[in-house]
Amino acid sequence: MRLSKIDEALITAARRNNVRAVKVLLKLGASQQARDKALEEATRWRRFEIVDVLLKANISNGEKDTALCMASYFGNKAIVELLLESGVSQKAKDEALIKAVCASNLEITELLLRAGTSQSARDKALEREYRDDLPITKLLLRAGVSQKVKDIALIKAADCCNVEKAKLLMSEGADPNANIQDASALNCAICLKYSAETMVKVLLQGGAVPTKEDIKIAKSLHKPGVVALLLKAMCVNFFTELGSRRQ
């Protein structure tokens, strides 16, 4: 559908933050398509007043959803708040959360979590949190993610030797003994080229239970320090279990 001169003028006015012109053009009968496009432009260029005016001018629900995802990614909290107040779909809130997390937008992540997101969206957001942003990871964990996603995140943290993230995940219930697709956090830590002992120690302190296979792997990689840590942990576990049986 070809845009009229009024429609084109509205979109331009929205981009240039001309509030007065936007109001006049809306009264002159700018089309639904133009209003939707103007909202997109105003969101992209962070035109708060324009967004406020347009939301009162019968914007389509689909365009509001799109604008929410855009504002969440680019970190415009004020516009996100406006869009949430205007009413957006659950799907949009879920998608916006993932966008905000991928962009490491802490305030917007918190705002969207308060607005209500699904566990599925929180799971996807944690899976796609690539920047090791601990405050965002903590928000997602506290809001609630599945056990499997927490366990996978711990395995990834161990594989990258991210000590602080591993500690956070275990404190929020990630299982250091989880084995997913033949991989465990302890396996990954043992195989680290650097700082293997540090990561292994953190996992053992978090409750990881070493096996004979773990020791075999550490020996094959010529890591005597790791072997010593694993053997010590196995001995402690053995005597702890023996003591509990006697009681």
Foldseek 3Di string as FASTA:
>chain_A
DDFDPLLVQLLVCLLVLVLVSNVVSLVVPGDQVSLLNSLQNNLQNVNLSSNLVSLVSDHDQVSLLVSLLSNLLVQNVSSNVSSLVSDHDQVSLLNSLLSNLLNVRLVSNLVSLVSPHDLVSLLNSLVNNPPPPVSSNLSSLVSDHDQVSLQVSLLVCLLVVVLVSNLSSLVSPHDQQDADPNGGSLLSLLPDPPPSLVSNVSSLVSPHQDDPVSLVSNVVVVNVSSNVVNVVSNVVVVVVVVVVVVD
